C-alpha atoms as a PDB file:
ATOM      1  CA  MET A   1       0.000   0.000   0.000  1.00  0.00           C
ATOM      2  CA  LEU A   2       2.299   2.728  -1.333  1.00  0.00           C
ATOM      3  CA  GLY A   3       5.198   1.584   0.843  1.00  0.00           C
ATOM      4  CA  ILE A   4       3.480   2.575   4.088  1.00  0.00           C
ATOM      5  CA  GLY A   5       4.000   0.091   6.912  1.00  0.00           C
ATOM      6  CA  MET A   6       2.486  -0.224  10.373  1.00  0.00           C
ATOM      7  CA  PRO A   7       4.864   2.243  12.086  1.00  0.00           C
ATOM      8  CA  GLU A   8       4.077   4.940   9.506  1.00  0.00           C
ATOM      9  CA  LEU A   9       0.322   4.388   9.930  1.00  0.00           C
ATOM     10  CA  ILE A  10       0.645   4.793  13.708  1.00  0.00           C
ATOM     11  CA  VAL A  11       2.542   8.059  13.270  1.00  0.00           C
ATOM     12  CA  ILE A  12      -0.091   9.365  10.826  1.00  0.00           C
ATOM     13  CA  ALA A  13      -2.912   8.367  13.233  1.00  0.00           C
ATOM     14  CA  VAL A  14      -1.249  10.141  16.159  1.00  0.00           C
ATOM     15  CA  ILE A  15      -0.697  13.330  14.118  1.00  0.00           C
ATOM     16  CA  ALA A  16      -4.323  13.203  12.881  1.00  0.00           C
ATOM     17  CA  LEU A  17      -5.564  12.779  16.459  1.00  0.00           C
ATOM     18  CA  ILE A  18      -3.553  15.798  17.609  1.00  0.00           C
ATOM     19  CA  VAL A  19      -4.475  18.052  14.646  1.00  0.00           C
ATOM     20  CA  ILE A  20      -8.142  17.117  14.177  1.00  0.00           C
ATOM     21  CA  GLY A  21      -9.044  16.270  17.731  1.00  0.00           C
ATOM     22  CA  PRO A  22     -10.728  13.225  19.279  1.00  0.00           C
ATOM     23  CA  GLU A  23     -14.283  14.523  18.684  1.00  0.00           C
ATOM     24  CA  LYS A  24     -14.027  14.941  14.877  1.00  0.00           C
ATOM     25  CA  LEU A  25     -11.739  11.980  14.132  1.00  0.00           C
ATOM     26  CA  PRO A  26     -14.497   9.260  13.978  1.00  0.00           C
ATOM     27  CA  GLY A  27     -16.588  11.406  11.580  1.00  0.00           C
ATOM     28  CA  LEU A  28     -13.558  12.006   9.398  1.00  0.00           C
ATOM     29  CA  ALA A  29     -12.803   8.275   9.355  1.00  0.00           C
ATOM     30  CA  LYS A  30     -16.393   7.524   8.241  1.00  0.00           C
ATOM     31  CA  THR A  31     -16.188  10.157   5.523  1.00  0.00           C
ATOM     32  CA  LEU A  32     -12.885   8.816   4.234  1.00  0.00           C
ATOM     33  CA  GLY A  33     -14.261   5.261   4.291  1.00  0.00           C
ATOM     34  CA  ARG A  34     -17.274   6.338   2.219  1.00  0.00           C
ATOM     35  CA  MET A  35     -15.040   8.204  -0.226  1.00  0.00           C
ATOM     36  CA  PHE A  36     -12.791   5.197  -0.723  1.00  0.00           C
ATOM     37  CA  GLY A  37     -15.851   2.963  -1.163  1.00  0.00           C
ATOM     38  CA  GLU A  38     -17.278   5.284  -3.832  1.00  0.00           C
ATOM     39  CA  LEU A  39     -13.906   5.455  -5.542  1.00  0.00           C
ATOM     40  CA  LYS A  40     -13.683   1.660  -5.599  1.00  0.00           C
ATOM     41  CA  LYS A  41     -17.243   1.406  -6.953  1.00  0.00           C
ATOM     42  CA  ALA A  42     -16.559   3.987  -9.684  1.00  0.00           C
ATOM     43  CA  THR A  43     -13.358   2.205 -10.649  1.00  0.00           C
ATOM     44  CA  SER A  44     -15.098  -1.163 -10.967  1.00  0.00           C
ATOM     45  CA  GLU A  45     -17.915   0.397 -13.042  1.00  0.00           C
ATOM     46  CA  PHE A  46     -15.363   2.034 -15.338  1.00  0.00           C
ATOM     47  CA  LYS A  47     -13.532  -1.273 -15.742  1.00  0.00           C
ATOM     48  CA  GLU A  48     -16.790  -3.056 -16.556  1.00  0.00           C
ATOM     49  CA  THR A  49     -17.731  -0.393 -19.089  1.00  0.00           C
ATOM     50  CA  MET A  50     -14.369  -0.718 -20.832  1.00  0.00           C
ATOM     51  CA  GLU A  51     -14.726  -4.505 -20.995  1.00  0.00           C
ATOM     52  CA  VAL A  52     -18.227  -4.213 -22.474  1.00  0.00           C
ATOM     53  CA  GLU A  53     -17.049  -1.679 -25.045  1.00  0.00           C
ATOM     54  CA  SER A  54     -14.150  -3.933 -25.961  1.00  0.00           C
ATOM     55  CA  LYS A  55     -16.528  -6.841 -26.519  1.00  0.00           C
ATOM     56  CA  MET A  56     -18.856  -4.581 -28.512  1.00  0.00           C
ATOM     57  CA  ALA A  57     -15.934  -3.551 -30.711  1.00  0.00           C
ATOM     58  CA  ASP A  58     -15.199  -7.233 -31.390  1.00  0.00           C
ATOM     59  CA  VAL A  59     -18.845  -7.862 -32.262  1.00  0.00           C
ATOM     60  CA  LYS A  60     -18.900  -4.792 -34.518  1.00  0.00           C
ATOM     61  CA  LYS A  61     -15.798  -6.043 -36.340  1.00  0.00           C
ATOM     62  CA  ALA A  62     -17.470  -9.419 -36.830  1.00  0.00           C
ATOM     63  CA  PHE A  63     -20.609  -7.806 -38.256  1.00  0.00           C
ATOM     64  CA  ASP A  64     -18.522  -5.566 -40.503  1.00  0.00           C
ATOM     65  CA  GLY A  65     -16.738  -8.671 -41.775  1.00  0.00           C
ATOM     66  CA  ILE A  66     -20.070 -10.352 -42.482  1.00  0.00           C
ATOM     67  CA  ASN A  67     -21.365  -7.245 -44.261  1.00  0.00           C
ATOM     68  CA  GLU A  68     -18.185  -6.994 -46.328  1.00  0.00           C
ATOM     69  CA  LYS A  69     -18.516 -10.647 -47.324  1.00  0.00           C
ATOM     70  CA  GLU A  70     -22.143 -10.108 -48.386  1.00  0.00           C
ATOM     71  CA  ILE A  71     -21.167  -7.023 -50.384  1.00  0.00           C
ATOM     72  CA  ILE A  72     -18.322  -8.884 -52.058  1.00  0.00           C
ATOM     73  CA  ASP A  73     -20.613 -11.826 -52.875  1.00  0.00           C
ATOM     74  CA  LYS A  74     -23.193  -9.475 -54.381  1.00  0.00           C
ATOM     75  CA  ALA A  75     -20.514  -7.659 -56.349  1.00  0.00           C
ATOM     76  CA  GLU A  76     -19.162 -10.955 -57.687  1.00  0.00           C
ATOM     77  CA  THR A  77     -22.662 -12.009 -58.711  1.00  0.00           C
ATOM     78  CA  VAL A  78     -23.183  -8.719 -60.529  1.00  0.00           C
ATOM     79  CA  ASN A  79     -19.781  -9.015 -62.190  1.00  0.00           C
ATOM     80  CA  GLU A  80     -20.523 -12.558 -63.328  1.00  0.00           C
ATOM     81  CA  THR A  81     -23.774 -11.487 -64.964  1.00  0.00           C
ATOM     82  CA  GLU A  82     -22.057  -8.488 -66.543  1.00  0.00           C
ATOM     83  CA  GLU A  83     -19.251 -10.681 -67.815  1.00  0.00           C
ATOM     84  CA  LEU A  84     -21.750 -12.942 -69.536  1.00  0.00           C
ATOM     85  CA  GLU A  85     -23.332  -9.998 -71.321  1.00  0.00           C
ATOM     86  CA  THR A  86     -20.254  -8.097 -72.497  1.00  0.00           C
ATOM     87  CA  PRO A  87     -20.511  -6.451 -75.931  1.00  0.00           C
ATOM     88  CA  SER A  88     -17.724  -8.574 -77.408  1.00  0.00           C
ATOM     89  CA  GLU A  89     -19.562 -11.779 -76.473  1.00  0.00           C
ATOM     90  CA  ALA A  90     -22.758 -10.382 -77.877  1.00  0.00           C
ATOM     91  CA  LEU A  91     -20.930  -9.569 -81.148  1.00  0.00           C
ATOM     92  CA  ASP A  92     -19.372 -13.035 -81.240  1.00  0.00           C
ATOM     93  CA  ALA A  93     -22.761 -14.635 -80.681  1.00  0.00           C
ATOM     94  CA  ALA A  94     -24.284 -12.466 -83.425  1.00  0.00           C
ATOM     95  CA  ALA A  95     -21.437 -13.281 -85.793  1.00  0.00           C
ATOM     96  CA  ASP A  96     -21.892 -17.005 -85.150  1.00  0.00           C
ATOM     97  CA  GLY A  97     -25.583 -16.655 -85.832  1.00  0.00           C
ATOM     98  CA  ASN A  98     -24.945 -14.719 -89.057  1.00  0.00           C
ATOM     99  CA  SER A  99     -22.412 -17.255 -90.331  1.00  0.00           C
ATOM    100  CA  ASN A 100     -24.865 -20.090 -89.670  1.00  0.00           C
ATOM    101  CA  GLU A 101     -27.557 -18.184 -91.568  1.00  0.00           C
ATOM    102  CA  LYS A 102     -25.137 -17.596 -94.481  1.00  0.00           C
ATOM    103  CA  ASN A 103     -24.195 -21.274 -94.512  1.00  0.00           C
ATOM    104  CA  ASP A 104     -27.894 -22.246 -94.592  1.00  0.00           C
ATOM    105  CA  ALA A 105     -28.551 -19.777 -97.397  1.00  0.00           C
ATOM    106  CA  ASP A 106     -25.557 -21.078 -99.368  1.00  0.00           C
ATOM    107  CA  LYS A 107     -26.783 -24.666 -98.961  1.00  0.00           C
ATOM    108  CA  GLU A 108     -30.237 -23.755-100.237  1.00  0.00           C
ATOM    109  CA  VAL A 109     -28.808 -21.910-103.218  1.00  0.00           C
ATOM    110  CA  SER A 110     -26.540 -24.795-104.087  1.00  0.00           C
ATOM    111  CA  LYS A 111     -29.447 -27.269-103.845  1.00  0.00           C
ATOM    112  CA  GLY A 112     -31.537 -25.142-106.160  1.00  0.00           C
ATOM    113  CA  THR A 113     -28.856 -24.802-108.804  1.00  0.00           C
ATOM    114  CA  ALA A 114     -27.653 -28.338-108.666  1.00  0.00           C
END
């Protein structure tokens, strides 16, 4: 307790008894006891609050991670659908369709002339 031993406490008590007087000393002791009790209570409440906030921060990080994962999943889904419908693929698909139509038309023309 701050390096104060029994002899030092006795000296402090004797000085307090002389300075304050025997009538006021018990009241002062009660007041100091209440103050230390309130200080201890406030300290424990502060500690508890810090622990709760620390746990809440961990929970918030977990929820942020979940939200980020959902956002990334949605973005990947959107990108996949956009990748399937890119203009170059649409042109390739149209070109394939046109070449098939030309081949069909060429076959019909060759059948008619042959």
